[in-house]
Amino acid sequence: MESDVDADIFDAYMNDGQVDCSAWEIPHPTEPGWFILSIHDAEDGPVCIWGRKVAP
């Protein structure tokens, strides 16, 4: 989230106890087939983990 939102939004999340990350518009990978595995809080703020199916 840190590099995807304005600094004031990120600072409010990190410093003010604001737990609302709805202003975060998560950029989707450009290649097809990706999906969100998880969105969770980490030491440096919210993180989005992407995954996609691997052909056998």
C-alpha atoms as a PDB file:
ATOM      1  CA  MET A   1       0.000   0.000   0.000  1.00  0.00           C
ATOM      2  CA  GLU A   2       2.851   2.352   0.819  1.00  0.00           C
ATOM      3  CA  SER A   3       3.732   3.124  -2.810  1.00  0.00           C
ATOM      4  CA  ASP A   4       0.120   3.070  -4.073  1.00  0.00           C
ATOM      5  CA  VAL A   5      -1.590   5.775  -1.948  1.00  0.00           C
ATOM      6  CA  ASP A   6      -0.877   9.375  -0.978  1.00  0.00           C
ATOM      7  CA  ALA A   7       1.549   9.807   1.907  1.00  0.00           C
ATOM      8  CA  ASP A   8      -1.128  11.341   4.159  1.00  0.00           C
ATOM      9  CA  ILE A   9      -3.356   8.274   3.761  1.00  0.00           C
ATOM     10  CA  PHE A  10      -0.468   5.920   4.459  1.00  0.00           C
ATOM     11  CA  ASP A  11       0.674   7.983   7.462  1.00  0.00           C
ATOM     12  CA  ALA A  12      -2.851   7.924   8.896  1.00  0.00           C
ATOM     13  CA  TYR A  13      -2.866   4.143   8.571  1.00  0.00           C
ATOM     14  CA  MET A  14       0.566   3.679  10.141  1.00  0.00           C
ATOM     15  CA  ASN A  15       0.618   6.416  12.786  1.00  0.00           C
ATOM     16  CA  ASP A  16      -2.935   7.283  13.730  1.00  0.00           C
ATOM     17  CA  GLY A  17      -4.253   3.774  14.260  1.00  0.00           C
ATOM     18  CA  GLN A  18      -6.447   4.085  11.173  1.00  0.00           C
ATOM     19  CA  VAL A  19      -7.194   0.528  10.063  1.00  0.00           C
ATOM     20  CA  ASP A  20      -9.253   1.422   6.984  1.00  0.00           C
ATOM     21  CA  CYS A  21      -7.310   0.643   3.815  1.00  0.00           C
ATOM     22  CA  SER A  22     -10.298   1.098   1.470  1.00  0.00           C
ATOM     23  CA  ALA A  23      -8.576   4.059  -0.247  1.00  0.00           C
ATOM     24  CA  TRP A  24      -5.986   1.603  -1.547  1.00  0.00           C
ATOM     25  CA  GLU A  25      -6.632   0.782  -5.192  1.00  0.00           C
ATOM     26  CA  ILE A  26      -4.519  -2.319  -5.600  1.00  0.00           C
ATOM     27  CA  PRO A  27      -2.784  -2.387  -9.003  1.00  0.00           C
ATOM     28  CA  HIS A  28      -3.512  -5.616 -10.879  1.00  0.00           C
ATOM     29  CA  PRO A  29      -0.611  -7.419 -12.636  1.00  0.00           C
ATOM     30  CA  THR A  30      -0.657  -6.825 -16.383  1.00  0.00           C
ATOM     31  CA  GLU A  31      -0.388 -10.512 -17.316  1.00  0.00           C
ATOM     32  CA  PRO A  32      -3.666 -12.492 -17.364  1.00  0.00           C
ATOM     33  CA  GLY A  33      -4.562 -15.130 -14.806  1.00  0.00           C
ATOM     34  CA  TRP A  34      -3.499 -13.404 -11.582  1.00  0.00           C
ATOM     35  CA  PHE A  35      -5.784 -13.380  -8.537  1.00  0.00           C
ATOM     36  CA  ILE A  36      -5.504 -12.080  -4.984  1.00  0.00           C
ATOM     37  CA  LEU A  37      -4.377 -14.748  -2.523  1.00  0.00           C
ATOM     38  CA  SER A  38      -4.460 -12.490   0.527  1.00  0.00           C
ATOM     39  CA  ILE A  39      -4.503  -8.946   1.785  1.00  0.00           C
ATOM     40  CA  HIS A  40      -3.054  -8.617   5.239  1.00  0.00           C
ATOM     41  CA  ASP A  41      -1.255  -6.264   7.563  1.00  0.00           C
ATOM     42  CA  ALA A  42       2.517  -6.452   7.840  1.00  0.00           C
ATOM     43  CA  GLU A  43       5.167  -4.477   9.699  1.00  0.00           C
ATOM     44  CA  ASP A  44       5.308  -1.933   6.850  1.00  0.00           C
ATOM     45  CA  GLY A  45       1.537  -1.666   6.324  1.00  0.00           C
ATOM     46  CA  PRO A  46      -1.023  -3.582   4.241  1.00  0.00           C
ATOM     47  CA  VAL A  47       0.295  -6.064   1.694  1.00  0.00           C
ATOM     48  CA  CYS A  48      -1.423  -7.776  -1.227  1.00  0.00           C
ATOM     49  CA  ILE A  49      -0.161 -11.223  -2.235  1.00  0.00           C
ATOM     50  CA  TRP A  50      -0.938 -12.312  -5.802  1.00  0.00           C
ATOM     51  CA  GLY A  51      -0.989 -15.814  -7.266  1.00  0.00           C
ATOM     52  CA  ARG A  52      -1.775 -17.564 -10.504  1.00  0.00           C
ATOM     53  CA  LYS A  53      -2.187 -21.126 -11.657  1.00  0.00           C
ATOM     54  CA  VAL A  54       0.892 -22.796 -13.080  1.00  0.00           C
ATOM     55  CA  ALA A  55       0.365 -25.072 -16.058  1.00  0.00           C
ATOM     56  CA  PRO A  56       1.284 -28.713 -15.259  1.00  0.00           C
END
